[in-house]
Amino acid sequence: MTDNYLEIFKETGALLEGHFVLTSGRHSATYFQCAKVLQHPEHLSHFAETIVDYFSETEIDTVISPAVGGIVIGTEVGRQFGVKTIFAERQNGKMTLRRGFEITNSEKILVVEDVITTGGSVKEVMDVVEECGGIVVGVGVVVDRGGGNVVLHENQFAVTTQTAMSYHSDEIPEDLKQVPIEKPGSRSLK
């Protein structure tokens, strides 16, 4: 198994090029579609194992992920740890626990996500954990597309860190403005 993660994304068609509005609302010419790479069991297992190895000395009761993107990798990380796995999802635009999921007071929680740019969804999940009385013990992600500049937790790990340019809506380069916009993220899901 190669550790050249960018090549894995390219080979599986998971590194897309075009004009994308990211979950964060920022615009980019590239998009990491983790679902396309994580559908391959060998990559899913390898990425999860890499996260599990990093957090192997951390006491974890539960893995939580933001829906939808983080669910697959979060579930596999939880399976490899042998702990409960849950997810938070948006209801009326706010991240929340549903489906009977609960977090108990002082429960040690690892937050796992597929891709971060600004870390907004992960931060929302961390807030949910803390509101429930849980303790966030770390954040693990497959792709940090912000070049390592987004620090959400003192115990944070990314399988791969990439620098993918993204732009606020009022600073989009002219050549990117000419490309039709795609909005592949899950932020708008109810």
N, C-alpha and C. Protein backbone atom coordinates (compact mmCIF):
# COMPACT_ATOMS: atom_id res chain seq x y z
N MET A 1 0.85 -1.19 0.00
CA MET A 1 0.00 0.00 0.00
C MET A 1 0.89 1.24 0.00
N THR A 2 0.68 2.08 -0.96
CA THR A 2 1.47 3.30 -1.06
C THR A 2 1.05 4.33 0.00
N ASP A 3 1.99 5.14 0.42
CA ASP A 3 1.67 6.25 1.30
C ASP A 3 1.65 7.56 0.52
N ASN A 4 1.66 7.47 -0.82
CA ASN A 4 1.53 8.66 -1.64
C ASN A 4 0.03 8.94 -1.80
N TYR A 5 -0.51 9.65 -0.81
CA TYR A 5 -1.95 9.81 -0.71
C TYR A 5 -2.55 10.57 -1.88
N LEU A 6 -1.84 11.57 -2.39
CA LEU A 6 -2.35 12.32 -3.53
C LEU A 6 -2.52 11.40 -4.74
N GLU A 7 -1.59 10.47 -4.93
CA GLU A 7 -1.70 9.51 -6.03
C GLU A 7 -2.92 8.60 -5.83
N ILE A 8 -3.17 8.18 -4.60
CA ILE A 8 -4.35 7.34 -4.32
C ILE A 8 -5.62 8.09 -4.71
N PHE A 9 -5.69 9.37 -4.33
CA PHE A 9 -6.87 10.17 -4.68
C PHE A 9 -7.01 10.31 -6.19
N LYS A 10 -5.92 10.53 -6.88
CA LYS A 10 -5.96 10.66 -8.34
C LYS A 10 -6.38 9.35 -9.00
N GLU A 11 -5.77 8.23 -8.58
CA GLU A 11 -6.05 6.92 -9.17
C GLU A 11 -7.51 6.50 -8.99
N THR A 12 -8.14 6.90 -7.89
CA THR A 12 -9.52 6.50 -7.61
C THR A 12 -10.53 7.52 -8.11
N GLY A 13 -10.06 8.59 -8.75
CA GLY A 13 -10.96 9.63 -9.24
C GLY A 13 -11.53 10.49 -8.13
N ALA A 14 -10.85 10.50 -6.99
CA ALA A 14 -11.35 11.24 -5.82
C ALA A 14 -10.81 12.65 -5.72
N LEU A 15 -9.84 13.01 -6.56
CA LEU A 15 -9.34 14.38 -6.61
C LEU A 15 -9.94 15.01 -7.86
N LEU A 16 -10.91 15.87 -7.66
CA LEU A 16 -11.66 16.47 -8.75
C LEU A 16 -11.12 17.86 -9.07
N GLU A 17 -11.24 18.25 -10.33
CA GLU A 17 -10.84 19.58 -10.75
C GLU A 17 -12.02 20.25 -11.43
N GLY A 18 -12.18 21.55 -11.18
CA GLY A 18 -13.30 22.32 -11.72
C GLY A 18 -13.44 23.61 -10.92
N HIS A 19 -14.68 23.99 -10.62
CA HIS A 19 -14.96 25.14 -9.75
C HIS A 19 -15.98 24.66 -8.72
N PHE A 20 -15.52 24.56 -7.49
CA PHE A 20 -16.34 23.98 -6.43
C PHE A 20 -16.62 25.00 -5.33
N VAL A 21 -17.84 24.96 -4.82
CA VAL A 21 -18.15 25.68 -3.59
C VAL A 21 -18.06 24.62 -2.49
N LEU A 22 -17.10 24.82 -1.60
CA LEU A 22 -16.83 23.86 -0.53
C LEU A 22 -17.88 23.98 0.57
N THR A 23 -17.92 23.00 1.45
CA THR A 23 -18.84 23.04 2.58
C THR A 23 -18.67 24.31 3.39
N SER A 24 -17.45 24.83 3.44
CA SER A 24 -17.15 26.06 4.17
C SER A 24 -17.71 27.30 3.49
N GLY A 25 -18.15 27.16 2.22
CA GLY A 25 -18.62 28.31 1.46
C GLY A 25 -17.53 28.91 0.59
N ARG A 26 -16.28 28.48 0.78
CA ARG A 26 -15.17 28.99 -0.02
C ARG A 26 -15.17 28.30 -1.39
N HIS A 27 -14.53 28.93 -2.35
CA HIS A 27 -14.45 28.42 -3.72
C HIS A 27 -13.06 27.83 -3.96
N SER A 28 -12.99 26.75 -4.76
CA SER A 28 -11.71 26.11 -5.04
C SER A 28 -11.75 25.46 -6.42
N ALA A 29 -10.57 25.32 -7.01
CA ALA A 29 -10.44 24.62 -8.30
C ALA A 29 -10.24 23.12 -8.10
N THR A 30 -10.07 22.69 -6.84
CA THR A 30 -9.91 21.25 -6.56
C THR A 30 -10.86 20.84 -5.44
N TYR A 31 -11.23 19.56 -5.48
CA TYR A 31 -12.14 19.02 -4.47
C TYR A 31 -11.73 17.59 -4.16
N PHE A 32 -11.56 17.30 -2.88
CA PHE A 32 -11.25 15.94 -2.44
C PHE A 32 -12.57 15.25 -2.13
N GLN A 33 -12.99 14.32 -3.00
CA GLN A 33 -14.22 13.57 -2.80
C GLN A 33 -13.87 12.25 -2.12
N CYS A 34 -13.74 12.33 -0.79
CA CYS A 34 -13.28 11.16 -0.03
C CYS A 34 -14.15 9.93 -0.23
N ALA A 35 -15.43 10.11 -0.46
CA ALA A 35 -16.31 8.96 -0.66
C ALA A 35 -15.81 8.08 -1.80
N LYS A 36 -15.24 8.69 -2.83
CA LYS A 36 -14.75 7.91 -3.98
C LYS A 36 -13.52 7.08 -3.64
N VAL A 37 -12.70 7.54 -2.71
CA VAL A 37 -11.53 6.76 -2.32
C VAL A 37 -11.89 5.77 -1.21
N LEU A 38 -12.79 6.18 -0.31
CA LEU A 38 -13.14 5.33 0.83
C LEU A 38 -14.07 4.18 0.45
N GLN A 39 -14.60 4.18 -0.77
CA GLN A 39 -15.41 3.04 -1.22
C GLN A 39 -14.54 1.81 -1.48
N HIS A 40 -13.24 2.02 -1.55
CA HIS A 40 -12.29 0.92 -1.76
C HIS A 40 -11.81 0.43 -0.39
N PRO A 41 -12.17 -0.80 0.00
CA PRO A 41 -11.85 -1.28 1.34
C PRO A 41 -10.38 -1.17 1.72
N GLU A 42 -9.48 -1.39 0.76
CA GLU A 42 -8.06 -1.33 1.11
C GLU A 42 -7.64 0.09 1.50
N HIS A 43 -8.22 1.10 0.86
CA HIS A 43 -7.88 2.49 1.21
C HIS A 43 -8.57 2.91 2.50
N LEU A 44 -9.83 2.51 2.64
CA LEU A 44 -10.56 2.80 3.88
C LEU A 44 -9.82 2.21 5.07
N SER A 45 -9.44 0.96 4.98
CA SER A 45 -8.73 0.30 6.08
C SER A 45 -7.39 0.97 6.37
N HIS A 46 -6.66 1.29 5.30
CA HIS A 46 -5.34 1.90 5.46
C HIS A 46 -5.44 3.29 6.11
N PHE A 47 -6.36 4.13 5.62
CA PHE A 47 -6.50 5.47 6.19
C PHE A 47 -6.94 5.39 7.64
N ALA A 48 -7.90 4.51 7.94
CA ALA A 48 -8.37 4.36 9.32
C ALA A 48 -7.25 3.85 10.21
N GLU A 49 -6.50 2.87 9.74
CA GLU A 49 -5.39 2.32 10.52
C GLU A 49 -4.35 3.40 10.83
N THR A 50 -4.12 4.29 9.89
CA THR A 50 -3.16 5.38 10.09
C THR A 50 -3.64 6.31 11.21
N ILE A 51 -4.94 6.59 11.23
CA ILE A 51 -5.52 7.41 12.30
C ILE A 51 -5.46 6.67 13.63
N VAL A 52 -5.83 5.40 13.61
CA VAL A 52 -5.82 4.58 14.83
C VAL A 52 -4.40 4.49 15.40
N ASP A 53 -3.42 4.28 14.54
CA ASP A 53 -2.02 4.22 15.01
C ASP A 53 -1.63 5.51 15.73
N TYR A 54 -2.01 6.65 15.16
CA TYR A 54 -1.65 7.93 15.76
C TYR A 54 -2.28 8.08 17.15
N PHE A 55 -3.52 7.67 17.31
CA PHE A 55 -4.24 7.85 18.58
C PHE A 55 -4.19 6.61 19.47
N SER A 56 -3.29 5.69 19.19
CA SER A 56 -3.25 4.42 19.93
C SER A 56 -3.00 4.58 21.43
N GLU A 57 -2.36 5.64 21.84
CA GLU A 57 -2.10 5.86 23.27
C GLU A 57 -3.16 6.75 23.92
N THR A 58 -4.17 7.14 23.17
CA THR A 58 -5.23 8.02 23.67
C THR A 58 -6.40 7.16 24.15
N GLU A 59 -6.91 7.45 25.33
CA GLU A 59 -8.08 6.72 25.85
C GLU A 59 -9.33 7.25 25.14
N ILE A 60 -10.03 6.37 24.44
CA ILE A 60 -11.20 6.74 23.63
C ILE A 60 -12.36 5.82 23.97
N ASP A 61 -13.51 6.44 24.28
CA ASP A 61 -14.74 5.68 24.52
C ASP A 61 -15.60 5.59 23.27
N THR A 62 -15.58 6.68 22.48
CA THR A 62 -16.49 6.81 21.35
C THR A 62 -15.83 7.60 20.24
N VAL A 63 -16.16 7.24 18.99
CA VAL A 63 -15.77 8.04 17.83
C VAL A 63 -17.03 8.70 17.30
N ILE A 64 -16.94 10.00 17.02
CA ILE A 64 -18.06 10.73 16.43
C ILE A 64 -17.57 11.43 15.18
N SER A 65 -18.45 11.51 14.19
CA SER A 65 -18.13 12.18 12.93
C SER A 65 -19.28 13.08 12.53
N PRO A 66 -18.96 14.13 11.75
CA PRO A 66 -20.04 14.92 11.15
C PRO A 66 -20.61 14.17 9.95
N ALA A 67 -21.93 14.20 9.82
CA ALA A 67 -22.58 13.61 8.64
C ALA A 67 -22.45 14.60 7.50
N VAL A 68 -22.31 14.19 6.35
CA VAL A 68 -22.33 12.82 5.85
C VAL A 68 -20.90 12.34 5.63
N GLY A 69 -20.02 13.22 5.24
CA GLY A 69 -18.69 12.83 4.79
C GLY A 69 -17.88 12.02 5.76
N GLY A 70 -17.97 12.32 7.04
CA GLY A 70 -17.12 11.66 8.02
C GLY A 70 -17.60 10.30 8.49
N ILE A 71 -18.83 9.93 8.13
CA ILE A 71 -19.42 8.71 8.69
C ILE A 71 -18.62 7.45 8.33
N VAL A 72 -18.24 7.30 7.07
CA VAL A 72 -17.57 6.06 6.65
C VAL A 72 -16.23 5.89 7.36
N ILE A 73 -15.38 6.94 7.32
CA ILE A 73 -14.07 6.82 7.97
C ILE A 73 -14.23 6.74 9.48
N GLY A 74 -15.16 7.48 10.05
CA GLY A 74 -15.39 7.42 11.50
C GLY A 74 -15.81 6.05 11.95
N THR A 75 -16.69 5.41 11.20
CA THR A 75 -17.15 4.06 11.55
C THR A 75 -16.01 3.07 11.50
N GLU A 76 -15.15 3.17 10.48
CA GLU A 76 -14.03 2.24 10.38
C GLU A 76 -13.00 2.49 11.48
N VAL A 77 -12.75 3.74 11.82
CA VAL A 77 -11.83 4.04 12.93
C VAL A 77 -12.40 3.46 14.22
N GLY A 78 -13.68 3.67 14.45
CA GLY A 78 -14.32 3.10 15.65
C GLY A 78 -14.27 1.59 15.68
N ARG A 79 -14.49 0.97 14.51
CA ARG A 79 -14.42 -0.50 14.43
C ARG A 79 -13.02 -0.98 14.78
N GLN A 80 -12.00 -0.32 14.24
CA GLN A 80 -10.64 -0.75 14.53
C GLN A 80 -10.28 -0.53 15.99
N PHE A 81 -10.80 0.51 16.59
CA PHE A 81 -10.58 0.73 18.03
C PHE A 81 -11.43 -0.20 18.89
N GLY A 82 -12.54 -0.69 18.32
CA GLY A 82 -13.47 -1.52 19.09
C GLY A 82 -14.33 -0.69 20.03
N VAL A 83 -14.68 0.55 19.58
CA VAL A 83 -15.51 1.42 20.41
C VAL A 83 -16.76 1.84 19.65
N LYS A 84 -17.70 2.38 20.40
CA LYS A 84 -18.95 2.89 19.83
C LYS A 84 -18.64 3.99 18.82
N THR A 85 -19.42 3.99 17.72
CA THR A 85 -19.27 5.06 16.73
C THR A 85 -20.64 5.68 16.48
N ILE A 86 -20.65 7.01 16.49
CA ILE A 86 -21.89 7.74 16.26
C ILE A 86 -21.59 8.89 15.30
N PHE A 87 -22.63 9.60 14.90
CA PHE A 87 -22.42 10.78 14.07
C PHE A 87 -23.40 11.88 14.46
N ALA A 88 -22.99 13.10 14.20
CA ALA A 88 -23.85 14.26 14.38
C ALA A 88 -24.30 14.69 12.99
N GLU A 89 -25.49 15.23 12.92
CA GLU A 89 -26.01 15.67 11.63
C GLU A 89 -26.78 16.98 11.80
N ARG A 90 -26.98 17.65 10.68
CA ARG A 90 -27.67 18.93 10.73
C ARG A 90 -29.18 18.73 10.80
N GLN A 91 -29.77 19.50 11.67
CA GLN A 91 -31.22 19.56 11.74
C GLN A 91 -31.55 21.04 11.85
N ASN A 92 -32.31 21.54 10.88
CA ASN A 92 -32.61 22.98 10.82
C ASN A 92 -31.32 23.81 10.82
N GLY A 93 -30.30 23.31 10.10
CA GLY A 93 -29.06 24.05 9.94
C GLY A 93 -28.09 23.96 11.11
N LYS A 94 -28.45 23.23 12.17
CA LYS A 94 -27.60 23.14 13.36
C LYS A 94 -27.17 21.70 13.58
N MET A 95 -25.88 21.50 13.85
CA MET A 95 -25.36 20.16 14.11
C MET A 95 -25.94 19.66 15.43
N THR A 96 -26.42 18.41 15.41
CA THR A 96 -27.06 17.85 16.59
C THR A 96 -26.94 16.32 16.59
N LEU A 97 -27.19 15.73 17.74
CA LEU A 97 -27.29 14.27 17.84
C LEU A 97 -28.75 13.88 17.62
N ARG A 98 -28.97 12.86 16.84
CA ARG A 98 -30.31 12.33 16.58
C ARG A 98 -30.23 10.81 16.63
N ARG A 99 -31.28 10.14 16.22
CA ARG A 99 -31.32 8.69 16.06
C ARG A 99 -31.04 7.93 17.35
N GLY A 100 -31.28 8.58 18.48
CA GLY A 100 -31.04 7.93 19.77
C GLY A 100 -29.60 7.97 20.23
N PHE A 101 -28.71 8.63 19.48
CA PHE A 101 -27.31 8.74 19.91
C PHE A 101 -27.22 9.60 21.16
N GLU A 102 -26.37 9.19 22.08
CA GLU A 102 -26.16 9.94 23.32
C GLU A 102 -24.69 9.97 23.66
N ILE A 103 -24.30 11.03 24.36
CA ILE A 103 -22.96 11.15 24.91
C ILE A 103 -23.13 11.37 26.40
N THR A 104 -22.43 10.57 27.20
CA THR A 104 -22.55 10.69 28.65
C THR A 104 -21.51 11.66 29.20
N ASN A 105 -21.73 12.10 30.40
CA ASN A 105 -20.82 13.02 31.06
C ASN A 105 -19.43 12.39 31.17
N SER A 106 -18.42 13.11 30.78
CA SER A 106 -17.01 12.71 30.82
C SER A 106 -16.63 11.60 29.83
N GLU A 107 -17.52 11.27 28.90
CA GLU A 107 -17.19 10.29 27.85
C GLU A 107 -16.08 10.86 26.97
N LYS A 108 -15.07 10.06 26.72
CA LYS A 108 -13.90 10.50 25.95
C LYS A 108 -14.15 10.26 24.46
N ILE A 109 -14.16 11.34 23.69
CA ILE A 109 -14.61 11.30 22.31
C ILE A 109 -13.50 11.70 21.35
N LEU A 110 -13.31 10.89 20.31
CA LEU A 110 -12.43 11.23 19.19
C LEU A 110 -13.32 11.67 18.04
N VAL A 111 -13.07 12.86 17.51
CA VAL A 111 -13.81 13.37 16.36
C VAL A 111 -13.04 12.99 15.10
N VAL A 112 -13.72 12.35 14.14
CA VAL A 112 -13.08 11.91 12.90
C VAL A 112 -13.86 12.47 11.72
N GLU A 113 -13.13 13.08 10.78
CA GLU A 113 -13.73 13.71 9.60
C GLU A 113 -12.95 13.29 8.36
N ASP A 114 -13.59 13.37 7.20
CA ASP A 114 -12.88 13.02 5.97
C ASP A 114 -11.99 14.16 5.48
N VAL A 115 -12.52 15.36 5.34
CA VAL A 115 -11.75 16.50 4.81
C VAL A 115 -12.05 17.75 5.62
N ILE A 116 -11.01 18.52 5.92
CA ILE A 116 -11.24 19.85 6.50
C ILE A 116 -10.59 20.91 5.61
N THR A 117 -11.26 22.04 5.53
CA THR A 117 -10.69 23.23 4.90
C THR A 117 -10.58 24.31 5.98
N THR A 118 -11.73 24.66 6.57
CA THR A 118 -11.74 25.62 7.68
C THR A 118 -11.98 24.92 9.01
N GLY A 119 -12.47 23.67 8.95
CA GLY A 119 -12.76 22.92 10.16
C GLY A 119 -14.10 23.25 10.79
N GLY A 120 -14.95 23.97 10.07
CA GLY A 120 -16.24 24.40 10.62
C GLY A 120 -17.12 23.26 11.11
N SER A 121 -17.29 22.22 10.31
CA SER A 121 -18.15 21.10 10.72
C SER A 121 -17.58 20.37 11.93
N VAL A 122 -16.25 20.19 11.95
CA VAL A 122 -15.61 19.52 13.09
C VAL A 122 -15.81 20.36 14.36
N LYS A 123 -15.65 21.66 14.24
CA LYS A 123 -15.84 22.54 15.41
C LYS A 123 -17.27 22.44 15.92
N GLU A 124 -18.24 22.39 15.01
CA GLU A 124 -19.63 22.23 15.43
C GLU A 124 -19.85 20.91 16.17
N VAL A 125 -19.23 19.84 15.68
CA VAL A 125 -19.35 18.54 16.36
C VAL A 125 -18.69 18.61 17.73
N MET A 126 -17.53 19.25 17.81
CA MET A 126 -16.86 19.40 19.10
C MET A 126 -17.76 20.15 20.09
N ASP A 127 -18.46 21.17 19.61
CA ASP A 127 -19.40 21.92 20.47
C ASP A 127 -20.52 21.01 20.97
N VAL A 128 -21.04 20.15 20.08
CA VAL A 128 -22.10 19.21 20.47
C VAL A 128 -21.59 18.28 21.57
N VAL A 129 -20.38 17.75 21.39
CA VAL A 129 -19.78 16.85 22.39
C VAL A 129 -19.69 17.56 23.73
N GLU A 130 -19.17 18.77 23.73
CA GLU A 130 -18.98 19.51 24.98
C GLU A 130 -20.31 19.89 25.62
N GLU A 131 -21.32 20.24 24.81
CA GLU A 131 -22.65 20.56 25.34
C GLU A 131 -23.27 19.35 26.04
N CYS A 132 -22.92 18.16 25.59
CA CYS A 132 -23.44 16.92 26.18
C CYS A 132 -22.61 16.47 27.39
N GLY A 133 -21.54 17.17 27.69
CA GLY A 133 -20.69 16.81 28.82
C GLY A 133 -19.55 15.88 28.47
N GLY A 134 -19.39 15.57 27.18
CA GLY A 134 -18.28 14.73 26.75
C GLY A 134 -16.98 15.51 26.69
N ILE A 135 -15.89 14.78 26.54
CA ILE A 135 -14.56 15.37 26.47
C ILE A 135 -13.94 15.00 25.12
N VAL A 136 -13.63 16.01 24.32
CA VAL A 136 -12.96 15.77 23.04
C VAL A 136 -11.49 15.48 23.34
N VAL A 137 -11.04 14.27 23.00
CA VAL A 137 -9.66 13.87 23.28
C VAL A 137 -8.76 13.97 22.06
N GLY A 138 -9.35 14.27 20.89
CA GLY A 138 -8.55 14.42 19.69
C GLY A 138 -9.42 14.60 18.46
N VAL A 139 -8.77 15.01 17.37
CA VAL A 139 -9.42 15.18 16.08
C VAL A 139 -8.55 14.49 15.04
N GLY A 140 -9.13 13.55 14.30
CA GLY A 140 -8.43 12.86 13.22
C GLY A 140 -9.14 13.10 11.90
N VAL A 141 -8.38 13.42 10.86
CA VAL A 141 -8.96 13.65 9.54
C VAL A 141 -8.14 12.93 8.48
N VAL A 142 -8.79 12.61 7.38
CA VAL A 142 -8.07 12.00 6.27
C VAL A 142 -7.28 13.08 5.54
N VAL A 143 -7.95 14.16 5.10
CA VAL A 143 -7.29 15.21 4.33
C VAL A 143 -7.47 16.56 5.01
N ASP A 144 -6.36 17.19 5.35
CA ASP A 144 -6.36 18.59 5.76
C ASP A 144 -5.95 19.37 4.52
N ARG A 145 -6.93 19.97 3.85
CA ARG A 145 -6.62 20.68 2.61
C ARG A 145 -6.20 22.12 2.87
N GLY A 146 -6.06 22.49 4.14
CA GLY A 146 -5.66 23.84 4.50
C GLY A 146 -4.18 23.98 4.81
N GLY A 147 -3.40 22.98 4.49
CA GLY A 147 -1.96 23.07 4.69
C GLY A 147 -1.51 23.03 6.14
N GLY A 148 -2.36 22.53 7.02
CA GLY A 148 -2.00 22.44 8.44
C GLY A 148 -2.25 23.72 9.22
N ASN A 149 -2.93 24.67 8.60
CA ASN A 149 -3.16 25.97 9.26
C ASN A 149 -4.37 26.00 10.17
N VAL A 150 -5.26 25.01 10.06
CA VAL A 150 -6.45 24.98 10.91
C VAL A 150 -6.17 24.05 12.09
N VAL A 151 -6.05 24.64 13.27
CA VAL A 151 -5.80 23.85 14.48
C VAL A 151 -7.09 23.87 15.31
N LEU A 152 -7.71 22.70 15.43
CA LEU A 152 -8.97 22.56 16.14
C LEU A 152 -8.80 21.99 17.54
N HIS A 153 -7.69 21.27 17.74
CA HIS A 153 -7.45 20.59 19.01
C HIS A 153 -5.95 20.38 19.17
N GLU A 154 -5.50 20.36 20.40
CA GLU A 154 -4.06 20.14 20.64
C GLU A 154 -3.61 18.75 20.24
N ASN A 155 -4.54 17.79 20.17
CA ASN A 155 -4.25 16.42 19.76
C ASN A 155 -4.94 16.18 18.42
N GLN A 156 -4.37 16.72 17.36
CA GLN A 156 -4.97 16.68 16.03
C GLN A 156 -4.02 16.00 15.05
N PHE A 157 -4.62 15.21 14.14
CA PHE A 157 -3.81 14.46 13.18
C PHE A 157 -4.53 14.40 11.84
N ALA A 158 -3.77 14.56 10.76
CA ALA A 158 -4.29 14.38 9.41
C ALA A 158 -3.45 13.32 8.71
N VAL A 159 -4.11 12.38 8.04
CA VAL A 159 -3.41 11.36 7.27
C VAL A 159 -2.55 12.04 6.21
N THR A 160 -3.11 13.04 5.54
CA THR A 160 -2.35 13.83 4.57
C THR A 160 -2.73 15.29 4.68
N THR A 161 -1.73 16.14 4.60
CA THR A 161 -1.94 17.58 4.62
C THR A 161 -1.56 18.13 3.25
N GLN A 162 -2.51 18.79 2.64
CA GLN A 162 -2.31 19.36 1.31
C GLN A 162 -2.60 20.86 1.37
N THR A 163 -2.01 21.60 0.47
CA THR A 163 -2.33 23.01 0.36
C THR A 163 -3.14 23.19 -0.91
N ALA A 164 -4.44 23.33 -0.74
CA ALA A 164 -5.34 23.51 -1.87
C ALA A 164 -5.93 24.91 -1.74
N MET A 165 -5.65 25.73 -2.72
CA MET A 165 -6.12 27.12 -2.67
C MET A 165 -7.65 27.16 -2.61
N SER A 166 -8.13 28.05 -1.76
CA SER A 166 -9.57 28.32 -1.72
C SER A 166 -9.75 29.82 -1.55
N TYR A 167 -10.90 30.29 -2.01
CA TYR A 167 -11.13 31.73 -2.09
C TYR A 167 -12.49 32.10 -1.51
N HIS A 168 -12.53 33.24 -0.84
CA HIS A 168 -13.79 33.82 -0.41
C HIS A 168 -14.54 34.23 -1.67
N SER A 169 -15.84 34.32 -1.63
CA SER A 169 -16.64 34.61 -2.83
C SER A 169 -16.31 35.95 -3.49
N ASP A 170 -15.72 36.88 -2.75
CA ASP A 170 -15.37 38.16 -3.37
C ASP A 170 -13.92 38.25 -3.83
N GLU A 171 -13.19 37.09 -3.79
CA GLU A 171 -11.79 37.09 -4.23
C GLU A 171 -11.48 35.97 -5.22
N ILE A 172 -12.50 35.48 -5.91
CA ILE A 172 -12.32 34.38 -6.87
C ILE A 172 -11.55 34.89 -8.09
N PRO A 173 -10.48 34.20 -8.49
CA PRO A 173 -9.72 34.61 -9.68
C PRO A 173 -10.60 34.56 -10.93
N GLU A 174 -10.30 35.43 -11.89
CA GLU A 174 -11.09 35.53 -13.12
C GLU A 174 -11.19 34.21 -13.86
N ASP A 175 -10.08 33.46 -13.96
CA ASP A 175 -10.12 32.19 -14.70
C ASP A 175 -11.04 31.17 -14.03
N LEU A 176 -11.11 31.18 -12.70
CA LEU A 176 -12.00 30.27 -11.98
C LEU A 176 -13.46 30.70 -12.14
N LYS A 177 -13.70 32.00 -12.22
CA LYS A 177 -15.07 32.50 -12.41
C LYS A 177 -15.67 31.99 -13.72
N GLN A 178 -14.83 31.67 -14.70
CA GLN A 178 -15.30 31.22 -16.02
C GLN A 178 -15.76 29.75 -16.02
N VAL A 179 -15.42 29.01 -14.95
CA VAL A 179 -15.76 27.59 -14.86
C VAL A 179 -17.10 27.44 -14.13
N PRO A 180 -18.03 26.64 -14.67
CA PRO A 180 -19.31 26.44 -14.00
C PRO A 180 -19.13 25.90 -12.57
N ILE A 181 -19.92 26.40 -11.65
CA ILE A 181 -19.81 26.05 -10.23
C ILE A 181 -20.49 24.71 -9.94
N GLU A 182 -19.80 23.89 -9.15
CA GLU A 182 -20.37 22.65 -8.60
C GLU A 182 -20.35 22.79 -7.09
N LYS A 183 -21.34 22.22 -6.43
CA LYS A 183 -21.42 22.30 -4.97
C LYS A 183 -21.58 20.88 -4.43
N PRO A 184 -20.46 20.15 -4.30
CA PRO A 184 -20.54 18.73 -3.93
C PRO A 184 -20.64 18.45 -2.43
N GLY A 185 -20.46 19.41 -1.56
CA GLY A 185 -20.44 19.16 -0.12
C GLY A 185 -21.79 18.78 0.45
N SER A 186 -21.82 18.51 1.75
CA SER A 186 -23.04 18.05 2.40
C SER A 186 -23.68 19.09 3.32
N ARG A 187 -23.15 20.31 3.35
CA ARG A 187 -23.65 21.32 4.27
C ARG A 187 -25.15 21.58 4.09
N SER A 188 -25.64 21.52 2.86
CA SER A 188 -27.03 21.86 2.61
C SER A 188 -28.00 20.72 2.94
N LEU A 189 -27.50 19.55 3.29
CA LEU A 189 -28.37 18.43 3.62
C LEU A 189 -29.13 18.71 4.90
N LYS A 190 -30.37 18.32 4.95
CA LYS A 190 -31.19 18.55 6.15
C LYS A 190 -30.99 17.44 7.13
